[in-house]
Structure formats: structure tokens, C-alpha cells
Amino acid sequence: MAATVPPATATAPRKKAGKPKASATASAAVAVAVAGLKKKAKKDKKDKRPKKKNKEAVVLRFEGEQLAAVDERAQALGLSRAAWVRMIVSQALAG
């Protein structure tokens, strides 16, 4: 038995390896620069976040009439309900 040899396939002539085209190099450089800027912006955003303060959430329950009075007094001072309650508690602890 004779071994069969596959027919030779024609191959295209190879191009010489050279410098990449300027547009490909420029595009790659821009992509790297943009990626670097995004990474820096993300890091800057993390740095600008306020540091966590040593606070703890507390739940308080008020009667309807009391809550209305708290809201009135807070609004008169231009404060939120929570800010007003913190202010009053702080004053009570100081005095």
C-alpha cells in the first residue's frame, strides 16, 4: 500500500513585519490615555467621598401632635427634623 500525500496547498506570500501604521499606534495610545484618565477619575471620586463619621442611627417614636410641633420648630429654624432633634439633644446634654 502506498501512502497518500495530501496535495500541496498554495500559500499567499507573507508580508514583511514592519512598524504598525501610525493610525493604529495613535488609536492605541489614545485608548491607553483614556483608560488612564478614567482610572484616575474613579480614584479621585473615591478620595472625595466624605469619611464615615462615628454615628449610629436611632429610631424615635413620637405622637402625632409632638411630631407636628417638632416639624414646626425645625421649619422655623430652617432645619430638617433630624437636625433639629440632634440640636435639642446636644443642648440638653450640654446644659
PDB file of N, CA and C in Angstrom:
ATOM      1  N   MET A   1       0.827  -1.160   0.000  1.00  0.00           N
ATOM      2  CA  MET A   1       0.000   0.000   0.000  1.00  0.00           C
ATOM      3  C   MET A   1       0.877   1.230   0.000  1.00  0.00           C
ATOM      4  N   ALA A   2       0.420   2.129  -0.798  1.00  0.00           N
ATOM      5  CA  ALA A   2       1.172   3.368  -0.924  1.00  0.00           C
ATOM      6  C   ALA A   2       0.513   4.424  -0.051  1.00  0.00           C
ATOM      7  N   ALA A   3       1.318   5.174   0.633  1.00  0.00           N
ATOM      8  CA  ALA A   3       0.804   6.246   1.485  1.00  0.00           C
ATOM      9  C   ALA A   3       0.382   7.404   0.610  1.00  0.00           C
ATOM     10  N   THR A   4      -0.761   7.952   0.920  1.00  0.00           N
ATOM     11  CA  THR A   4      -1.222   9.094   0.131  1.00  0.00           C
ATOM     12  C   THR A   4      -0.740  10.372   0.782  1.00  0.00           C
ATOM     13  N   VAL A   5      -0.267  11.241  -0.042  1.00  0.00           N
ATOM     14  CA  VAL A   5       0.241  12.516   0.435  1.00  0.00           C
ATOM     15  C   VAL A   5      -0.754  13.582   0.021  1.00  0.00           C
ATOM     16  N   PRO A   6      -1.183  14.429   0.939  1.00  0.00           N
ATOM     17  CA  PRO A   6      -2.138  15.466   0.557  1.00  0.00           C
ATOM     18  C   PRO A   6      -1.483  16.435  -0.418  1.00  0.00           C
ATOM     19  N   PRO A   7      -2.278  16.961  -1.329  1.00  0.00           N
ATOM     20  CA  PRO A   7      -1.707  17.892  -2.296  1.00  0.00           C
ATOM     21  C   PRO A   7      -1.190  19.141  -1.585  1.00  0.00           C
ATOM     22  N   ALA A   8      -0.161  19.720  -2.131  1.00  0.00           N
ATOM     23  CA  ALA A   8       0.426  20.931  -1.558  1.00  0.00           C
ATOM     24  C   ALA A   8      -0.567  22.074  -1.691  1.00  0.00           C
ATOM     25  N   THR A   9      -0.692  22.826  -0.634  1.00  0.00           N
ATOM     26  CA  THR A   9      -1.616  23.963  -0.681  1.00  0.00           C
ATOM     27  C   THR A   9      -0.830  25.208  -1.004  1.00  0.00           C
ATOM     28  N   ALA A  10      -1.448  26.027  -1.770  1.00  0.00           N
ATOM     29  CA  ALA A  10      -0.789  27.284  -2.133  1.00  0.00           C
ATOM     30  C   ALA A  10      -0.950  28.268  -0.990  1.00  0.00           C
ATOM     31  N   THR A  11       0.122  28.911  -0.610  1.00  0.00           N
ATOM     32  CA  THR A  11       0.061  29.908   0.460  1.00  0.00           C
ATOM     33  C   THR A  11       0.365  31.272  -0.119  1.00  0.00           C
ATOM     34  N   ALA A  12      -0.248  32.263   0.453  1.00  0.00           N
ATOM     35  CA  ALA A  12      -0.031  33.636  -0.002  1.00  0.00           C
ATOM     36  C   ALA A  12       1.338  34.085   0.488  1.00  0.00           C
ATOM     37  N   PRO A  13       1.996  34.921  -0.280  1.00  0.00           N
ATOM     38  CA  PRO A  13       3.298  35.412   0.171  1.00  0.00           C
ATOM     39  C   PRO A  13       3.119  36.216   1.464  1.00  0.00           C
ATOM     40  N   ARG A  14       4.053  36.061   2.387  1.00  0.00           N
ATOM     41  CA  ARG A  14       3.980  36.737   3.678  1.00  0.00           C
ATOM     42  C   ARG A  14       4.457  38.173   3.534  1.00  0.00           C
ATOM     43  N   LYS A  15       3.791  39.043   4.312  1.00  0.00           N
ATOM     44  CA  LYS A  15       4.208  40.441   4.328  1.00  0.00           C
ATOM     45  C   LYS A  15       5.356  40.568   5.307  1.00  0.00           C
ATOM     46  N   LYS A  16       6.215  41.496   5.036  1.00  0.00           N
ATOM     47  CA  LYS A  16       7.328  41.737   5.937  1.00  0.00           C
ATOM     48  C   LYS A  16       6.790  42.411   7.194  1.00  0.00           C
ATOM     49  N   ALA A  17       7.330  41.979   8.319  1.00  0.00           N
ATOM     50  CA  ALA A  17       6.938  42.605   9.575  1.00  0.00           C
ATOM     51  C   ALA A  17       7.585  43.975   9.634  1.00  0.00           C
ATOM     52  N   GLY A  18       6.793  44.954   9.910  1.00  0.00           N
ATOM     53  CA  GLY A  18       7.316  46.313   9.978  1.00  0.00           C
ATOM     54  C   GLY A  18       6.620  47.066  11.077  1.00  0.00           C
ATOM     55  N   LYS A  19       6.793  48.351  11.059  1.00  0.00           N
ATOM     56  CA  LYS A  19       6.148  49.195  12.050  1.00  0.00           C
ATOM     57  C   LYS A  19       4.644  49.181  11.816  1.00  0.00           C
ATOM     58  N   PRO A  20       3.867  49.238  12.916  1.00  0.00           N
ATOM     59  CA  PRO A  20       2.429  49.365  12.727  1.00  0.00           C
ATOM     60  C   PRO A  20       2.127  50.723  12.101  1.00  0.00           C
ATOM     61  N   LYS A  21       1.019  50.788  11.443  1.00  0.00           N
ATOM     62  CA  LYS A  21       0.634  52.051  10.821  1.00  0.00           C
ATOM     63  C   LYS A  21       0.421  53.098  11.900  1.00  0.00           C
ATOM     64  N   ALA A  22       0.634  54.344  11.540  1.00  0.00           N
ATOM     65  CA  ALA A  22       0.521  55.441  12.507  1.00  0.00           C
ATOM     66  C   ALA A  22      -0.865  55.504  13.110  1.00  0.00           C
ATOM     67  N   SER A  23      -1.894  55.256  12.322  1.00  0.00           N
ATOM     68  CA  SER A  23      -3.255  55.366  12.850  1.00  0.00           C
ATOM     69  C   SER A  23      -3.514  54.305  13.911  1.00  0.00           C
ATOM     70  N   ALA A  24      -2.977  53.102  13.727  1.00  0.00           N
ATOM     71  CA  ALA A  24      -3.167  52.053  14.724  1.00  0.00           C
ATOM     72  C   ALA A  24      -2.422  52.409  16.002  1.00  0.00           C
ATOM     73  N   THR A  25      -1.220  52.932  15.867  1.00  0.00           N
ATOM     74  CA  THR A  25      -0.427  53.310  17.037  1.00  0.00           C
ATOM     75  C   THR A  25      -1.095  54.464  17.782  1.00  0.00           C
ATOM     76  N   ALA A  26      -1.573  55.433  17.034  1.00  0.00           N
ATOM     77  CA  ALA A  26      -2.231  56.583  17.657  1.00  0.00           C
ATOM     78  C   ALA A  26      -3.508  56.154  18.365  1.00  0.00           C
ATOM     79  N   SER A  27      -4.270  55.280  17.736  1.00  0.00           N
ATOM     80  CA  SER A  27      -5.512  54.810  18.354  1.00  0.00           C
ATOM     81  C   SER A  27      -5.221  54.067  19.646  1.00  0.00           C
ATOM     82  N   ALA A  28      -4.181  53.245  19.629  1.00  0.00           N
ATOM     83  CA  ALA A  28      -3.825  52.503  20.831  1.00  0.00           C
ATOM     84  C   ALA A  28      -3.378  53.458  21.935  1.00  0.00           C
ATOM     85  N   ALA A  29      -2.610  54.481  21.567  1.00  0.00           N
ATOM     86  CA  ALA A  29      -2.137  55.451  22.553  1.00  0.00           C
ATOM     87  C   ALA A  29      -3.304  56.223  23.159  1.00  0.00           C
ATOM     88  N   VAL A  30      -4.255  56.592  22.326  1.00  0.00           N
ATOM     89  CA  VAL A  30      -5.435  57.317  22.818  1.00  0.00           C
ATOM     90  C   VAL A  30      -6.238  56.419  23.752  1.00  0.00           C
ATOM     91  N   ALA A  31      -6.382  55.157  23.373  1.00  0.00           N
ATOM     92  CA  ALA A  31      -7.142  54.227  24.211  1.00  0.00           C
ATOM     93  C   ALA A  31      -6.476  54.069  25.578  1.00  0.00           C
ATOM     94  N   VAL A  32      -5.166  53.970  25.590  1.00  0.00           N
ATOM     95  CA  VAL A  32      -4.441  53.834  26.855  1.00  0.00           C
ATOM     96  C   VAL A  32      -4.592  55.108  27.687  1.00  0.00           C
ATOM     97  N   ALA A  33      -4.506  56.256  27.038  1.00  0.00           N
ATOM     98  CA  ALA A  33      -4.634  57.532  27.756  1.00  0.00           C
ATOM     99  C   ALA A  33      -6.029  57.680  28.351  1.00  0.00           C
ATOM    100  N   VAL A  34      -7.052  57.322  27.578  1.00  0.00           N
ATOM    101  CA  VAL A  34      -8.430  57.429  28.064  1.00  0.00           C
ATOM    102  C   VAL A  34      -8.645  56.482  29.239  1.00  0.00           C
ATOM    103  N   ALA A  35      -8.115  55.269  29.131  1.00  0.00           N
ATOM    104  CA  ALA A  35      -8.254  54.312  30.229  1.00  0.00           C
ATOM    105  C   ALA A  35      -7.578  54.844  31.490  1.00  0.00           C
ATOM    106  N   GLY A  36      -6.417  55.475  31.319  1.00  0.00           N
ATOM    107  CA  GLY A  36      -5.712  56.052  32.465  1.00  0.00           C
ATOM    108  C   GLY A  36      -6.490  57.178  33.105  1.00  0.00           C
ATOM    109  N   LEU A  37      -7.112  58.013  32.282  1.00  0.00           N
ATOM    110  CA  LEU A  37      -7.910  59.129  32.809  1.00  0.00           C
ATOM    111  C   LEU A  37      -9.124  58.619  33.560  1.00  0.00           C
ATOM    112  N   LYS A  38      -9.772  57.577  33.013  1.00  0.00           N
ATOM    113  CA  LYS A  38     -10.947  57.017  33.689  1.00  0.00           C
ATOM    114  C   LYS A  38     -10.556  56.447  35.039  1.00  0.00           C
ATOM    115  N   LYS A  39      -9.415  55.758  35.081  1.00  0.00           N
ATOM    116  CA  LYS A  39      -8.957  55.168  36.329  1.00  0.00           C
ATOM    117  C   LYS A  39      -8.649  56.261  37.348  1.00  0.00           C
ATOM    118  N   LYS A  40      -8.013  57.356  36.893  1.00  0.00           N
ATOM    119  CA  LYS A  40      -7.677  58.470  37.786  1.00  0.00           C
ATOM    120  C   LYS A  40      -8.950  59.142  38.288  1.00  0.00           C
ATOM    121  N   ALA A  41      -9.923  59.322  37.391  1.00  0.00           N
ATOM    122  CA  ALA A  41     -11.180  59.957  37.793  1.00  0.00           C
ATOM    123  C   ALA A  41     -11.901  59.105  38.829  1.00  0.00           C
ATOM    124  N   LYS A  42     -11.859  57.795  38.641  1.00  0.00           N
ATOM    125  CA  LYS A  42     -12.515  56.904  39.596  1.00  0.00           C
ATOM    126  C   LYS A  42     -11.833  56.992  40.961  1.00  0.00           C
ATOM    127  N   LYS A  43     -10.485  57.061  40.949  1.00  0.00           N
ATOM    128  CA  LYS A  43      -9.740  57.172  42.199  1.00  0.00           C
ATOM    129  C   LYS A  43     -10.034  58.506  42.879  1.00  0.00           C
ATOM    130  N   ASP A  44     -10.082  59.586  42.079  1.00  0.00           N
ATOM    131  CA  ASP A  44     -10.384  60.901  42.642  1.00  0.00           C
ATOM    132  C   ASP A  44     -11.768  60.915  43.269  1.00  0.00           C
ATOM    133  N   LYS A  45     -12.717  60.229  42.620  1.00  0.00           N
ATOM    134  CA  LYS A  45     -14.081  60.185  43.136  1.00  0.00           C
ATOM    135  C   LYS A  45     -14.097  59.489  44.498  1.00  0.00           C
ATOM    136  N   LYS A  46     -13.320  58.410  44.623  1.00  0.00           N
ATOM    137  CA  LYS A  46     -13.244  57.723  45.906  1.00  0.00           C
ATOM    138  C   LYS A  46     -12.641  58.621  46.966  1.00  0.00           C
ATOM    139  N   ASP A  47     -11.626  59.399  46.590  1.00  0.00           N
ATOM    140  CA  ASP A  47     -10.961  60.275  47.548  1.00  0.00           C
ATOM    141  C   ASP A  47     -11.872  61.400  48.024  1.00  0.00           C
ATOM    142  N   LYS A  48     -12.821  61.816  47.219  1.00  0.00           N
ATOM    143  CA  LYS A  48     -13.692  62.938  47.564  1.00  0.00           C
ATOM    144  C   LYS A  48     -14.866  62.524  48.433  1.00  0.00           C
ATOM    145  N   ARG A  49     -15.082  61.234  48.568  1.00  0.00           N
ATOM    146  CA  ARG A  49     -16.187  60.790  49.409  1.00  0.00           C
ATOM    147  C   ARG A  49     -15.911  61.206  50.853  1.00  0.00           C
ATOM    148  N   PRO A  50     -16.939  61.676  51.531  1.00  0.00           N
ATOM    149  CA  PRO A  50     -16.708  62.052  52.928  1.00  0.00           C
ATOM    150  C   PRO A  50     -16.373  60.810  53.756  1.00  0.00           C
ATOM    151  N   LYS A  51     -15.467  60.997  54.673  1.00  0.00           N
ATOM    152  CA  LYS A  51     -15.103  59.876  55.524  1.00  0.00           C
ATOM    153  C   LYS A  51     -16.259  59.582  56.459  1.00  0.00           C
ATOM    154  N   LYS A  52     -16.430  58.315  56.778  1.00  0.00           N
ATOM    155  CA  LYS A  52     -17.526  57.922  57.643  1.00  0.00           C
ATOM    156  C   LYS A  52     -17.322  58.512  59.026  1.00  0.00           C
ATOM    157  N   LYS A  53     -18.378  59.076  59.542  1.00  0.00           N
ATOM    158  CA  LYS A  53     -18.322  59.648  60.881  1.00  0.00           C
ATOM    159  C   LYS A  53     -18.806  58.597  61.864  1.00  0.00           C
ATOM    160  N   ASN A  54     -18.459  58.798  63.075  1.00  0.00           N
ATOM    161  CA  ASN A  54     -18.817  57.838  64.104  1.00  0.00           C
ATOM    162  C   ASN A  54     -20.240  58.124  64.584  1.00  0.00           C
ATOM    163  N   LYS A  55     -21.210  57.771  63.744  1.00  0.00           N
ATOM    164  CA  LYS A  55     -22.616  57.998  64.072  1.00  0.00           C
ATOM    165  C   LYS A  55     -23.346  56.669  64.060  1.00  0.00           C
ATOM    166  N   GLU A  56     -24.465  56.659  64.753  1.00  0.00           N
ATOM    167  CA  GLU A  56     -25.301  55.474  64.765  1.00  0.00           C
ATOM    168  C   GLU A  56     -26.752  55.914  64.619  1.00  0.00           C
ATOM    169  N   ALA A  57     -27.495  55.207  63.802  1.00  0.00           N
ATOM    170  CA  ALA A  57     -28.901  55.538  63.587  1.00  0.00           C
ATOM    171  C   ALA A  57     -29.719  55.126  64.808  1.00  0.00           C
ATOM    172  N   VAL A  58     -30.700  55.973  65.139  1.00  0.00           N
ATOM    173  CA  VAL A  58     -31.574  55.713  66.280  1.00  0.00           C
ATOM    174  C   VAL A  58     -33.007  55.919  65.819  1.00  0.00           C
ATOM    175  N   VAL A  59     -33.889  55.045  66.259  1.00  0.00           N
ATOM    176  CA  VAL A  59     -35.306  55.178  65.914  1.00  0.00           C
ATOM    177  C   VAL A  59     -36.040  55.770  67.110  1.00  0.00           C
ATOM    178  N   LEU A  60     -36.749  56.863  66.874  1.00  0.00           N
ATOM    179  CA  LEU A  60     -37.565  57.507  67.907  1.00  0.00           C
ATOM    180  C   LEU A  60     -39.013  57.514  67.445  1.00  0.00           C
ATOM    181  N   ARG A  61     -39.914  57.289  68.364  1.00  0.00           N
ATOM    182  CA  ARG A  61     -41.333  57.323  68.022  1.00  0.00           C
ATOM    183  C   ARG A  61     -41.979  58.496  68.754  1.00  0.00           C
ATOM    184  N   PHE A  62     -42.707  59.303  67.990  1.00  0.00           N
ATOM    185  CA  PHE A  62     -43.403  60.460  68.549  1.00  0.00           C
ATOM    186  C   PHE A  62     -44.891  60.318  68.308  1.00  0.00           C
ATOM    187  N   GLU A  63     -45.680  60.904  69.204  1.00  0.00           N
ATOM    188  CA  GLU A  63     -47.118  61.019  68.983  1.00  0.00           C
ATOM    189  C   GLU A  63     -47.332  62.023  67.857  1.00  0.00           C
ATOM    190  N   GLY A  64     -48.461  61.975  67.196  1.00  0.00           N
ATOM    191  CA  GLY A  64     -48.759  62.854  66.068  1.00  0.00           C
ATOM    192  C   GLY A  64     -48.632  64.336  66.399  1.00  0.00           C
ATOM    193  N   GLU A  65     -49.171  64.728  67.573  1.00  0.00           N
ATOM    194  CA  GLU A  65     -49.111  66.134  67.973  1.00  0.00           C
ATOM    195  C   GLU A  65     -47.670  66.575  68.229  1.00  0.00           C
ATOM    196  N   GLN A  66     -46.890  65.706  68.865  1.00  0.00           N
ATOM    197  CA  GLN A  66     -45.490  66.029  69.142  1.00  0.00           C
ATOM    198  C   GLN A  66     -44.698  66.157  67.842  1.00  0.00           C
ATOM    199  N   LEU A  67     -44.949  65.261  66.923  1.00  0.00           N
ATOM    200  CA  LEU A  67     -44.226  65.284  65.650  1.00  0.00           C
ATOM    201  C   LEU A  67     -44.546  66.553  64.866  1.00  0.00           C
ATOM    202  N   ALA A  68     -45.805  66.987  64.925  1.00  0.00           N
ATOM    203  CA  ALA A  68     -46.191  68.227  64.248  1.00  0.00           C
ATOM    204  C   ALA A  68     -45.462  69.419  64.877  1.00  0.00           C
ATOM    205  N   ALA A  69     -45.335  69.421  66.213  1.00  0.00           N
ATOM    206  CA  ALA A  69     -44.636  70.504  66.902  1.00  0.00           C
ATOM    207  C   ALA A  69     -43.140  70.487  66.561  1.00  0.00           C
ATOM    208  N   VAL A  70     -42.561  69.321  66.489  1.00  0.00           N
ATOM    209  CA  VAL A  70     -41.139  69.201  66.118  1.00  0.00           C
ATOM    210  C   VAL A  70     -40.935  69.748  64.714  1.00  0.00           C
ATOM    211  N   ASP A  71     -41.800  69.349  63.798  1.00  0.00           N
ATOM    212  CA  ASP A  71     -41.690  69.815  62.410  1.00  0.00           C
ATOM    213  C   ASP A  71     -41.830  71.334  62.315  1.00  0.00           C
ATOM    214  N   GLU A  72     -42.756  71.908  63.084  1.00  0.00           N
ATOM    215  CA  GLU A  72     -42.949  73.366  63.087  1.00  0.00           C
ATOM    216  C   GLU A  72     -41.686  74.084  63.546  1.00  0.00           C
ATOM    217  N   ARG A  73     -41.143  73.631  64.647  1.00  0.00           N
ATOM    218  CA  ARG A  73     -39.956  74.291  65.203  1.00  0.00           C
ATOM    219  C   ARG A  73     -38.737  74.110  64.302  1.00  0.00           C
ATOM    220  N   ALA A  74     -38.607  72.930  63.710  1.00  0.00           N
ATOM    221  CA  ALA A  74     -37.481  72.693  62.800  1.00  0.00           C
ATOM    222  C   ALA A  74     -37.599  73.590  61.576  1.00  0.00           C
ATOM    223  N   GLN A  75     -38.798  73.703  61.048  1.00  0.00           N
ATOM    224  CA  GLN A  75     -39.014  74.540  59.856  1.00  0.00           C
ATOM    225  C   GLN A  75     -38.759  76.011  60.176  1.00  0.00           C
ATOM    226  N   ALA A  76     -39.124  76.449  61.359  1.00  0.00           N
ATOM    227  CA  ALA A  76     -38.909  77.845  61.753  1.00  0.00           C
ATOM    228  C   ALA A  76     -37.419  78.193  61.767  1.00  0.00           C
ATOM    229  N   LEU A  77     -36.576  77.209  62.062  1.00  0.00           N
ATOM    230  CA  LEU A  77     -35.132  77.435  62.081  1.00  0.00           C
ATOM    231  C   LEU A  77     -34.458  77.047  60.761  1.00  0.00           C
ATOM    232  N   GLY A  78     -35.253  76.540  59.818  1.00  0.00           N
ATOM    233  CA  GLY A  78     -34.687  76.122  58.537  1.00  0.00           C
ATOM    234  C   GLY A  78     -33.886  74.834  58.636  1.00  0.00           C
ATOM    235  N   LEU A  79     -34.261  73.977  59.578  1.00  0.00           N
ATOM    236  CA  LEU A  79     -33.562  72.716  59.790  1.00  0.00           C
ATOM    237  C   LEU A  79     -34.445  71.540  59.406  1.00  0.00           C
ATOM    238  N   SER A  80     -33.811  70.428  59.181  1.00  0.00           N
ATOM    239  CA  SER A  80     -34.575  69.202  58.984  1.00  0.00           C
ATOM    240  C   SER A  80     -35.015  68.704  60.354  1.00  0.00           C
ATOM    241  N   ARG A  81     -35.934  67.786  60.357  1.00  0.00           N
ATOM    242  CA  ARG A  81     -36.416  67.222  61.614  1.00  0.00           C
ATOM    243  C   ARG A  81     -35.253  66.589  62.382  1.00  0.00           C
ATOM    244  N   ALA A  82     -34.432  65.801  61.687  1.00  0.00           N
ATOM    245  CA  ALA A  82     -33.312  65.113  62.332  1.00  0.00           C
ATOM    246  C   ALA A  82     -32.292  66.108  62.893  1.00  0.00           C
ATOM    247  N   ALA A  83     -32.008  67.162  62.128  1.00  0.00           N
ATOM    248  CA  ALA A  83     -31.048  68.170  62.596  1.00  0.00           C
ATOM    249  C   ALA A  83     -31.582  68.877  63.837  1.00  0.00           C
ATOM    250  N   TRP A  84     -32.855  69.165  63.845  1.00  0.00           N
ATOM    251  CA  TRP A  84     -33.458  69.839  64.995  1.00  0.00           C
ATOM    252  C   TRP A  84     -33.381  68.949  66.232  1.00  0.00           C
ATOM    253  N   VAL A  85     -33.692  67.676  66.078  1.00  0.00           N
ATOM    254  CA  VAL A  85     -33.647  66.744  67.214  1.00  0.00           C
ATOM    255  C   VAL A  85     -32.219  66.639  67.733  1.00  0.00           C
ATOM    256  N   ARG A  86     -31.232  66.539  66.816  1.00  0.00           N
ATOM    257  CA  ARG A  86     -29.826  66.482  67.260  1.00  0.00           C
ATOM    258  C   ARG A  86     -29.435  67.748  68.020  1.00  0.00           C
ATOM    259  N   MET A  87     -29.907  68.902  67.544  1.00  0.00           N
ATOM    260  CA  MET A  87     -29.588  70.167  68.200  1.00  0.00           C
ATOM    261  C   MET A  87     -30.159  70.197  69.617  1.00  0.00           C
ATOM    262  N   ILE A  88     -31.415  69.805  69.765  1.00  0.00           N
ATOM    263  CA  ILE A  88     -32.072  69.827  71.063  1.00  0.00           C
ATOM    264  C   ILE A  88     -31.402  68.849  72.036  1.00  0.00           C
ATOM    265  N   VAL A  89     -31.064  67.677  71.555  1.00  0.00           N
ATOM    266  CA  VAL A  89     -30.397  66.683  72.406  1.00  0.00           C
ATOM    267  C   VAL A  89     -29.023  67.214  72.836  1.00  0.00           C
ATOM    268  N   SER A  90     -28.311  67.829  71.898  1.00  0.00           N
ATOM    269  CA  SER A  90     -26.990  68.389  72.205  1.00  0.00           C
ATOM    270  C   SER A  90     -27.103  69.478  73.258  1.00  0.00           C
ATOM    271  N   GLN A  91     -28.101  70.345  73.135  1.00  0.00           N
ATOM    272  CA  GLN A  91     -28.297  71.421  74.112  1.00  0.00           C
ATOM    273  C   GLN A  91     -28.648  70.835  75.485  1.00  0.00           C
ATOM    274  N   ALA A  92     -29.472  69.799  75.499  1.00  0.00           N
ATOM    275  CA  ALA A  92     -29.865  69.182  76.771  1.00  0.00           C
ATOM    276  C   ALA A  92     -28.680  68.515  77.445  1.00  0.00           C
ATOM    277  N   LEU A  93     -27.794  67.905  76.656  1.00  0.00           N
ATOM    278  CA  LEU A  93     -26.617  67.258  77.245  1.00  0.00           C
ATOM    279  C   LEU A  93     -25.581  68.267  77.729  1.00  0.00           C
ATOM    280  N   ALA A  94     -25.523  69.416  77.066  1.00  0.00           N
ATOM    281  CA  ALA A  94     -24.551  70.447  77.453  1.00  0.00           C
ATOM    282  C   ALA A  94     -25.003  71.213  78.701  1.00  0.00           C
ATOM    283  N   GLY A  95     -26.294  71.338  78.919  1.00  0.00           N
ATOM    284  CA  GLY A  95     -26.783  72.206  79.991  1.00  0.00           C
ATOM    285  C   GLY A  95     -27.262  71.464  81.138  1.00  0.00           C
TER     286      GLY A  95
END
